[in-house]
Amino acid sequence: MTTSVLPARRFTMPRSLNETLSQPGHPRTASDSGRSLDLAKAIAKGFTAEQKYPLMATKDQVKGGITYAAQDKLPKLPIPELESSLKKYLAALKPLQSTQEHAETQQAVEEFLRNEGPELHERLKKYANGKTSYIEQFCKFHYYYKLDILT
């Protein structure tokens, strides 16, 4: 039987931060690395406004800026069928609910589908007629409402 001998590794105890900082020496400064505020300013002055802010160059040319440049060319956001939405809703909730809670939710969904659901869905379709997005106004309202609360 052959045995192999592995070399022993020795570790030194790391020094505390306090010990390291109390050692003589000087920290590196920006000038040691060839960096300075004046040099950065000089380099920045060498760029044109279009190079510094490439997205702002097209802002005046495109209505709504670059973000909404092709907004009119996009297809309308379709309104999903009510039954399909409710099935997805139930499927999303199922792993989060107990059996009893899920049964109660299913019952509430069925009641909604029998009563006010179809009428609200039709009202949403009428509201969306002629609009590019049926949820845009609601999203904006929600966003600005939150901003009002925070300020």
N, C-alpha and C. Protein backbone atom coordinates (compact mmCIF):
# COMPACT_ATOMS: atom_id res chain seq x y z
N MET A 1 0.83 -1.17 0.00
CA MET A 1 0.00 0.00 0.00
C MET A 1 0.88 1.24 0.00
N THR A 2 0.62 2.13 -0.96
CA THR A 2 1.44 3.33 -1.10
C THR A 2 0.70 4.50 -0.47
N THR A 3 1.41 5.30 0.26
CA THR A 3 0.82 6.50 0.85
C THR A 3 1.46 7.71 0.21
N SER A 4 0.64 8.72 0.00
CA SER A 4 1.19 9.95 -0.55
C SER A 4 1.15 11.02 0.52
N VAL A 5 2.11 11.87 0.45
CA VAL A 5 2.21 12.95 1.42
C VAL A 5 1.84 14.26 0.72
N LEU A 6 0.85 14.91 1.25
CA LEU A 6 0.44 16.20 0.69
C LEU A 6 1.14 17.30 1.47
N PRO A 7 1.56 18.34 0.78
CA PRO A 7 2.22 19.43 1.52
C PRO A 7 1.22 20.13 2.43
N ALA A 8 1.66 20.54 3.56
CA ALA A 8 0.80 21.23 4.52
C ALA A 8 0.67 22.69 4.11
N ARG A 9 -0.53 23.19 4.20
CA ARG A 9 -0.76 24.59 3.90
C ARG A 9 -0.87 25.35 5.20
N ARG A 10 -0.24 26.48 5.25
CA ARG A 10 -0.27 27.30 6.45
C ARG A 10 -0.99 28.60 6.16
N PHE A 11 -1.84 28.97 7.07
CA PHE A 11 -2.59 30.20 6.92
C PHE A 11 -2.20 31.16 8.02
N THR A 12 -2.15 32.42 7.67
CA THR A 12 -1.89 33.43 8.69
C THR A 12 -3.22 34.08 9.05
N MET A 13 -3.33 34.46 10.26
CA MET A 13 -4.55 35.08 10.76
C MET A 13 -4.69 36.46 10.10
N PRO A 14 -5.84 36.79 9.56
CA PRO A 14 -6.00 38.11 8.95
C PRO A 14 -5.97 39.20 10.01
N ARG A 15 -5.48 40.36 9.59
CA ARG A 15 -5.43 41.49 10.52
C ARG A 15 -6.78 42.19 10.54
N SER A 16 -7.05 42.84 11.63
CA SER A 16 -8.30 43.59 11.73
C SER A 16 -8.19 44.84 10.87
N LEU A 17 -9.33 45.42 10.55
CA LEU A 17 -9.35 46.64 9.75
C LEU A 17 -8.63 47.76 10.49
N ASN A 18 -8.80 47.81 11.78
CA ASN A 18 -8.16 48.83 12.60
C ASN A 18 -6.64 48.73 12.48
N GLU A 19 -6.10 47.50 12.54
CA GLU A 19 -4.66 47.30 12.39
C GLU A 19 -4.19 47.70 11.00
N THR A 20 -4.92 47.34 10.01
CA THR A 20 -4.54 47.65 8.64
C THR A 20 -4.51 49.16 8.41
N LEU A 21 -5.50 49.86 8.93
CA LEU A 21 -5.56 51.31 8.74
C LEU A 21 -4.51 52.05 9.55
N SER A 22 -4.06 51.47 10.65
CA SER A 22 -3.06 52.15 11.47
C SER A 22 -1.64 51.96 10.93
N GLN A 23 -1.45 51.10 9.95
CA GLN A 23 -0.13 50.88 9.36
C GLN A 23 0.32 52.13 8.61
N PRO A 24 1.63 52.41 8.63
CA PRO A 24 2.11 53.57 7.88
C PRO A 24 1.94 53.33 6.37
N GLY A 25 1.79 54.39 5.65
CA GLY A 25 1.57 54.31 4.22
C GLY A 25 0.60 55.38 3.82
N HIS A 26 0.40 55.55 2.57
CA HIS A 26 -0.55 56.57 2.14
C HIS A 26 -1.56 55.94 1.18
N PRO A 27 -2.78 56.37 1.30
CA PRO A 27 -3.79 55.84 0.38
C PRO A 27 -3.58 56.42 -1.02
N ARG A 28 -4.02 55.67 -2.02
CA ARG A 28 -3.91 56.15 -3.40
C ARG A 28 -4.91 57.27 -3.62
N THR A 29 -4.46 58.28 -4.28
CA THR A 29 -5.35 59.39 -4.62
C THR A 29 -5.64 59.34 -6.11
N ALA A 30 -6.56 60.17 -6.55
CA ALA A 30 -6.92 60.20 -7.97
C ALA A 30 -5.73 60.63 -8.82
N SER A 31 -4.89 61.53 -8.28
CA SER A 31 -3.74 61.99 -9.07
C SER A 31 -2.71 60.89 -9.26
N ASP A 32 -2.63 59.94 -8.30
CA ASP A 32 -1.70 58.82 -8.44
C ASP A 32 -2.06 57.95 -9.64
N SER A 33 -3.33 57.84 -9.96
CA SER A 33 -3.76 56.97 -11.04
C SER A 33 -3.91 57.72 -12.36
N GLY A 34 -3.53 58.99 -12.41
CA GLY A 34 -3.64 59.76 -13.64
C GLY A 34 -5.02 60.35 -13.85
N ARG A 35 -5.85 60.33 -12.84
CA ARG A 35 -7.20 60.87 -12.93
C ARG A 35 -7.28 62.19 -12.20
N SER A 36 -8.10 63.10 -12.72
CA SER A 36 -8.35 64.34 -12.01
C SER A 36 -9.66 64.93 -12.50
N LEU A 37 -10.23 65.79 -11.71
CA LEU A 37 -11.49 66.43 -12.07
C LEU A 37 -11.30 67.34 -13.27
N ASP A 38 -10.17 68.06 -13.29
CA ASP A 38 -9.91 68.96 -14.41
C ASP A 38 -9.77 68.19 -15.72
N LEU A 39 -9.09 67.04 -15.67
CA LEU A 39 -8.94 66.22 -16.87
C LEU A 39 -10.29 65.71 -17.35
N ALA A 40 -11.15 65.28 -16.43
CA ALA A 40 -12.48 64.80 -16.79
C ALA A 40 -13.31 65.91 -17.43
N LYS A 41 -13.23 67.13 -16.89
CA LYS A 41 -13.97 68.26 -17.46
C LYS A 41 -13.47 68.59 -18.86
N ALA A 42 -12.15 68.54 -19.03
CA ALA A 42 -11.57 68.84 -20.35
C ALA A 42 -12.02 67.82 -21.39
N ILE A 43 -12.06 66.56 -21.02
CA ILE A 43 -12.50 65.52 -21.95
C ILE A 43 -13.98 65.69 -22.27
N ALA A 44 -14.80 66.01 -21.26
CA ALA A 44 -16.23 66.18 -21.46
C ALA A 44 -16.53 67.35 -22.39
N LYS A 45 -15.72 68.41 -22.34
CA LYS A 45 -15.93 69.57 -23.22
C LYS A 45 -15.68 69.22 -24.67
N GLY A 46 -14.94 68.18 -24.93
CA GLY A 46 -14.62 67.78 -26.29
C GLY A 46 -15.77 67.10 -27.01
N PHE A 47 -16.81 66.72 -26.31
CA PHE A 47 -17.96 66.05 -26.92
C PHE A 47 -19.03 67.06 -27.28
N THR A 48 -19.72 66.81 -28.39
CA THR A 48 -20.85 67.66 -28.78
C THR A 48 -22.06 67.29 -27.94
N ALA A 49 -23.08 68.14 -27.98
CA ALA A 49 -24.31 67.86 -27.21
C ALA A 49 -24.97 66.58 -27.71
N GLU A 50 -24.93 66.34 -29.03
CA GLU A 50 -25.52 65.12 -29.58
C GLU A 50 -24.78 63.87 -29.11
N GLN A 51 -23.46 63.99 -28.95
CA GLN A 51 -22.68 62.85 -28.46
C GLN A 51 -22.95 62.60 -26.98
N LYS A 52 -23.13 63.67 -26.22
CA LYS A 52 -23.39 63.52 -24.78
C LYS A 52 -24.80 63.00 -24.53
N TYR A 53 -25.77 63.48 -25.29
CA TYR A 53 -27.17 63.14 -25.07
C TYR A 53 -27.79 62.66 -26.38
N PRO A 54 -27.49 61.44 -26.81
CA PRO A 54 -27.95 60.98 -28.12
C PRO A 54 -29.47 60.88 -28.25
N LEU A 55 -30.17 60.59 -27.19
CA LEU A 55 -31.63 60.46 -27.29
C LEU A 55 -32.32 61.81 -27.37
N MET A 56 -31.70 62.84 -26.88
CA MET A 56 -32.32 64.17 -26.92
C MET A 56 -32.24 64.77 -28.31
N ALA A 57 -31.34 64.29 -29.14
CA ALA A 57 -31.18 64.84 -30.48
C ALA A 57 -32.42 64.64 -31.33
N THR A 58 -33.15 63.56 -31.12
CA THR A 58 -34.34 63.27 -31.93
C THR A 58 -35.63 63.70 -31.25
N LYS A 59 -35.54 64.27 -30.08
CA LYS A 59 -36.75 64.60 -29.31
C LYS A 59 -37.67 65.57 -30.05
N ASP A 60 -37.10 66.61 -30.67
CA ASP A 60 -37.93 67.58 -31.37
C ASP A 60 -38.47 67.03 -32.68
N GLN A 61 -37.77 66.08 -33.27
CA GLN A 61 -38.17 65.54 -34.56
C GLN A 61 -39.33 64.56 -34.43
N VAL A 62 -39.45 63.88 -33.30
CA VAL A 62 -40.45 62.84 -33.13
C VAL A 62 -41.44 63.27 -32.06
N LYS A 63 -42.72 63.24 -32.40
CA LYS A 63 -43.75 63.63 -31.43
C LYS A 63 -43.73 62.65 -30.26
N GLY A 64 -43.63 63.17 -29.05
CA GLY A 64 -43.62 62.33 -27.86
C GLY A 64 -42.27 61.73 -27.55
N GLY A 65 -41.24 62.13 -28.29
CA GLY A 65 -39.91 61.60 -28.03
C GLY A 65 -39.71 60.22 -28.64
N ILE A 66 -38.56 59.68 -28.43
CA ILE A 66 -38.19 58.40 -29.04
C ILE A 66 -39.01 57.24 -28.47
N THR A 67 -39.45 57.37 -27.23
CA THR A 67 -40.21 56.29 -26.60
C THR A 67 -41.53 56.01 -27.32
N TYR A 68 -42.22 57.05 -27.73
CA TYR A 68 -43.53 56.89 -28.36
C TYR A 68 -43.50 57.14 -29.87
N ALA A 69 -42.32 57.04 -30.48
CA ALA A 69 -42.16 57.36 -31.90
C ALA A 69 -43.05 56.52 -32.79
N ALA A 70 -43.22 55.25 -32.52
CA ALA A 70 -44.01 54.35 -33.38
C ALA A 70 -45.33 53.96 -32.74
N GLN A 71 -45.79 54.74 -31.79
CA GLN A 71 -47.01 54.40 -31.05
C GLN A 71 -48.21 54.24 -31.97
N ASP A 72 -48.33 55.12 -32.98
CA ASP A 72 -49.49 55.07 -33.88
C ASP A 72 -49.47 53.85 -34.80
N LYS A 73 -48.31 53.25 -34.98
CA LYS A 73 -48.18 52.10 -35.87
C LYS A 73 -48.45 50.77 -35.18
N LEU A 74 -48.51 50.79 -33.87
CA LEU A 74 -48.73 49.55 -33.12
C LEU A 74 -50.19 49.11 -33.21
N PRO A 75 -50.44 47.79 -33.19
CA PRO A 75 -51.84 47.34 -33.21
C PRO A 75 -52.51 47.63 -31.87
N LYS A 76 -53.83 47.72 -31.90
CA LYS A 76 -54.58 47.96 -30.66
C LYS A 76 -54.42 46.77 -29.72
N LEU A 77 -54.40 47.05 -28.46
CA LEU A 77 -54.34 46.00 -27.45
C LEU A 77 -55.69 45.31 -27.40
N PRO A 78 -55.74 44.00 -27.68
CA PRO A 78 -57.04 43.33 -27.70
C PRO A 78 -57.60 43.13 -26.29
N ILE A 79 -58.90 43.14 -26.19
CA ILE A 79 -59.56 42.88 -24.92
C ILE A 79 -59.79 41.37 -24.83
N PRO A 80 -59.22 40.73 -23.83
CA PRO A 80 -59.41 39.28 -23.73
C PRO A 80 -60.85 38.94 -23.38
N GLU A 81 -61.26 37.73 -23.74
CA GLU A 81 -62.61 37.27 -23.42
C GLU A 81 -62.76 37.14 -21.90
N LEU A 82 -63.92 37.44 -21.41
CA LEU A 82 -64.18 37.42 -19.97
C LEU A 82 -63.94 36.03 -19.37
N GLU A 83 -64.48 35.00 -20.02
CA GLU A 83 -64.32 33.64 -19.49
C GLU A 83 -62.86 33.23 -19.42
N SER A 84 -62.08 33.60 -20.43
CA SER A 84 -60.65 33.29 -20.47
C SER A 84 -59.91 33.98 -19.32
N SER A 85 -60.24 35.24 -19.09
CA SER A 85 -59.61 35.99 -18.00
C SER A 85 -59.93 35.37 -16.64
N LEU A 86 -61.18 34.96 -16.48
CA LEU A 86 -61.59 34.38 -15.20
C LEU A 86 -60.93 33.02 -14.96
N LYS A 87 -60.75 32.23 -16.02
CA LYS A 87 -60.05 30.95 -15.88
C LYS A 87 -58.60 31.16 -15.47
N LYS A 88 -57.96 32.15 -16.07
CA LYS A 88 -56.57 32.47 -15.71
C LYS A 88 -56.48 32.98 -14.27
N TYR A 89 -57.46 33.76 -13.88
CA TYR A 89 -57.53 34.28 -12.52
C TYR A 89 -57.61 33.13 -11.51
N LEU A 90 -58.50 32.20 -11.77
CA LEU A 90 -58.66 31.04 -10.88
C LEU A 90 -57.39 30.18 -10.85
N ALA A 91 -56.78 29.99 -12.01
CA ALA A 91 -55.56 29.18 -12.07
C ALA A 91 -54.42 29.84 -11.30
N ALA A 92 -54.34 31.16 -11.34
CA ALA A 92 -53.29 31.88 -10.62
C ALA A 92 -53.50 31.80 -9.11
N LEU A 93 -54.76 31.79 -8.68
CA LEU A 93 -55.05 31.78 -7.25
C LEU A 93 -54.97 30.38 -6.63
N LYS A 94 -55.18 29.35 -7.42
CA LYS A 94 -55.29 27.99 -6.89
C LYS A 94 -54.12 27.58 -5.98
N PRO A 95 -52.86 27.80 -6.38
CA PRO A 95 -51.76 27.38 -5.48
C PRO A 95 -51.64 28.23 -4.22
N LEU A 96 -52.31 29.37 -4.21
CA LEU A 96 -52.20 30.28 -3.07
C LEU A 96 -53.32 30.10 -2.05
N GLN A 97 -54.31 29.30 -2.41
CA GLN A 97 -55.49 29.16 -1.55
C GLN A 97 -55.65 27.74 -1.05
N SER A 98 -56.36 27.65 0.07
CA SER A 98 -56.75 26.33 0.56
C SER A 98 -57.90 25.83 -0.32
N THR A 99 -58.26 24.57 -0.16
CA THR A 99 -59.33 23.99 -0.97
C THR A 99 -60.64 24.74 -0.75
N GLN A 100 -60.92 25.06 0.50
CA GLN A 100 -62.16 25.77 0.82
C GLN A 100 -62.14 27.19 0.25
N GLU A 101 -61.03 27.89 0.41
CA GLU A 101 -60.93 29.24 -0.12
C GLU A 101 -61.10 29.24 -1.65
N HIS A 102 -60.49 28.26 -2.29
CA HIS A 102 -60.58 28.20 -3.75
C HIS A 102 -62.01 27.90 -4.20
N ALA A 103 -62.69 27.04 -3.47
CA ALA A 103 -64.09 26.75 -3.80
C ALA A 103 -64.95 28.01 -3.66
N GLU A 104 -64.69 28.80 -2.62
CA GLU A 104 -65.43 30.05 -2.41
C GLU A 104 -65.12 31.04 -3.53
N THR A 105 -63.85 31.09 -3.96
CA THR A 105 -63.47 31.98 -5.04
C THR A 105 -64.14 31.55 -6.34
N GLN A 106 -64.18 30.25 -6.60
CA GLN A 106 -64.84 29.74 -7.81
C GLN A 106 -66.33 30.13 -7.81
N GLN A 107 -66.94 30.02 -6.65
CA GLN A 107 -68.35 30.38 -6.54
C GLN A 107 -68.55 31.87 -6.81
N ALA A 108 -67.66 32.70 -6.27
CA ALA A 108 -67.76 34.15 -6.50
C ALA A 108 -67.55 34.49 -7.98
N VAL A 109 -66.63 33.79 -8.63
CA VAL A 109 -66.37 34.01 -10.06
C VAL A 109 -67.59 33.61 -10.88
N GLU A 110 -68.19 32.48 -10.56
CA GLU A 110 -69.38 32.03 -11.29
C GLU A 110 -70.54 33.02 -11.11
N GLU A 111 -70.67 33.54 -9.90
CA GLU A 111 -71.72 34.52 -9.63
C GLU A 111 -71.45 35.81 -10.41
N PHE A 112 -70.21 36.23 -10.46
CA PHE A 112 -69.83 37.41 -11.23
C PHE A 112 -70.13 37.21 -12.71
N LEU A 113 -69.83 36.02 -13.21
CA LEU A 113 -70.06 35.70 -14.62
C LEU A 113 -71.56 35.68 -14.95
N ARG A 114 -72.39 35.29 -13.99
CA ARG A 114 -73.85 35.25 -14.22
C ARG A 114 -74.48 36.63 -14.10
N ASN A 115 -73.90 37.50 -13.25
CA ASN A 115 -74.55 38.78 -12.96
C ASN A 115 -73.90 39.96 -13.69
N GLU A 116 -73.06 40.70 -13.01
CA GLU A 116 -72.54 41.95 -13.56
C GLU A 116 -71.37 41.79 -14.53
N GLY A 117 -70.75 40.65 -14.58
CA GLY A 117 -69.58 40.43 -15.42
C GLY A 117 -69.78 40.75 -16.89
N PRO A 118 -70.79 40.14 -17.55
CA PRO A 118 -71.00 40.41 -18.98
C PRO A 118 -71.29 41.88 -19.28
N GLU A 119 -72.08 42.53 -18.41
CA GLU A 119 -72.38 43.95 -18.63
C GLU A 119 -71.12 44.81 -18.52
N LEU A 120 -70.30 44.54 -17.51
CA LEU A 120 -69.05 45.30 -17.35
C LEU A 120 -68.10 45.04 -18.51
N HIS A 121 -68.09 43.82 -19.01
CA HIS A 121 -67.22 43.49 -20.14
C HIS A 121 -67.67 44.25 -21.40
N GLU A 122 -68.96 44.35 -21.61
CA GLU A 122 -69.48 45.10 -22.76
C GLU A 122 -69.16 46.59 -22.61
N ARG A 123 -69.31 47.11 -21.41
CA ARG A 123 -68.97 48.52 -21.17
C ARG A 123 -67.50 48.79 -21.45
N LEU A 124 -66.64 47.84 -21.10
CA LEU A 124 -65.21 47.97 -21.37
C LEU A 124 -64.95 47.98 -22.88
N LYS A 125 -65.65 47.13 -23.61
CA LYS A 125 -65.50 47.09 -25.07
C LYS A 125 -65.92 48.42 -25.70
N LYS A 126 -67.03 48.99 -25.22
CA LYS A 126 -67.49 50.29 -25.73
C LYS A 126 -66.48 51.39 -25.39
N TYR A 127 -65.94 51.33 -24.18
CA TYR A 127 -64.96 52.32 -23.75
C TYR A 127 -63.71 52.24 -24.62
N ALA A 128 -63.29 51.04 -24.97
CA ALA A 128 -62.05 50.83 -25.72
C ALA A 128 -62.20 51.18 -27.20
N ASN A 129 -63.41 51.31 -27.69
CA ASN A 129 -63.62 51.60 -29.10
C ASN A 129 -62.97 52.93 -29.46
N GLY A 130 -62.05 52.91 -30.41
CA GLY A 130 -61.37 54.13 -30.85
C GLY A 130 -60.13 54.48 -30.05
N LYS A 131 -59.81 53.73 -29.04
CA LYS A 131 -58.61 53.99 -28.23
C LYS A 131 -57.51 53.01 -28.63
N THR A 132 -56.26 53.44 -28.50
CA THR A 132 -55.15 52.53 -28.81
C THR A 132 -54.95 51.51 -27.71
N SER A 133 -55.29 51.89 -26.48
CA SER A 133 -55.11 50.98 -25.36
C SER A 133 -56.24 51.19 -24.36
N TYR A 134 -56.90 50.12 -24.01
CA TYR A 134 -58.01 50.25 -23.06
C TYR A 134 -57.54 50.35 -21.61
N ILE A 135 -56.27 50.08 -21.35
CA ILE A 135 -55.79 50.15 -19.97
C ILE A 135 -54.90 51.36 -19.70
N GLU A 136 -54.52 52.09 -20.74
CA GLU A 136 -53.58 53.20 -20.58
C GLU A 136 -54.08 54.23 -19.57
N GLN A 137 -55.32 54.65 -19.70
CA GLN A 137 -55.86 55.68 -18.82
C GLN A 137 -55.88 55.19 -17.37
N PHE A 138 -56.22 53.93 -17.16
CA PHE A 138 -56.26 53.39 -15.81
C PHE A 138 -54.87 53.32 -15.21
N CYS A 139 -53.89 52.96 -16.03
CA CYS A 139 -52.50 52.89 -15.55
C CYS A 139 -52.00 54.27 -15.18
N LYS A 140 -52.30 55.26 -16.01
CA LYS A 140 -51.88 56.63 -15.72
C LYS A 140 -52.53 57.11 -14.43
N PHE A 141 -53.83 56.85 -14.28
CA PHE A 141 -54.54 57.27 -13.08
C PHE A 141 -53.91 56.64 -11.85
N HIS A 142 -53.63 55.34 -11.94
CA HIS A 142 -53.05 54.62 -10.81
C HIS A 142 -51.67 55.20 -10.48
N TYR A 143 -50.87 55.47 -11.51
CA TYR A 143 -49.52 56.02 -11.32
C TYR A 143 -49.58 57.39 -10.66
N TYR A 144 -50.40 58.29 -11.21
CA TYR A 144 -50.47 59.63 -10.66
C TYR A 144 -51.14 59.64 -9.29
N TYR A 145 -52.09 58.75 -9.07
CA TYR A 145 -52.72 58.65 -7.77
C TYR A 145 -51.69 58.27 -6.72
N LYS A 146 -50.81 57.32 -7.05
CA LYS A 146 -49.77 56.93 -6.11
C LYS A 146 -48.83 58.09 -5.86
N LEU A 147 -48.49 58.86 -6.90
CA LEU A 147 -47.61 60.00 -6.72
C LEU A 147 -48.23 61.03 -5.78
N ASP A 148 -49.54 61.25 -5.93
CA ASP A 148 -50.23 62.21 -5.06
C ASP A 148 -50.19 61.74 -3.61
N ILE A 149 -50.32 60.46 -3.39
CA ILE A 149 -50.29 59.93 -2.03
C ILE A 149 -48.91 60.12 -1.43
N LEU A 150 -47.86 59.91 -2.25
CA LEU A 150 -46.50 59.99 -1.74
C LEU A 150 -46.05 61.42 -1.46
N THR A 151 -46.66 62.41 -2.12
CA THR A 151 -46.22 63.79 -1.93
C THR A 151 -47.04 64.50 -0.91
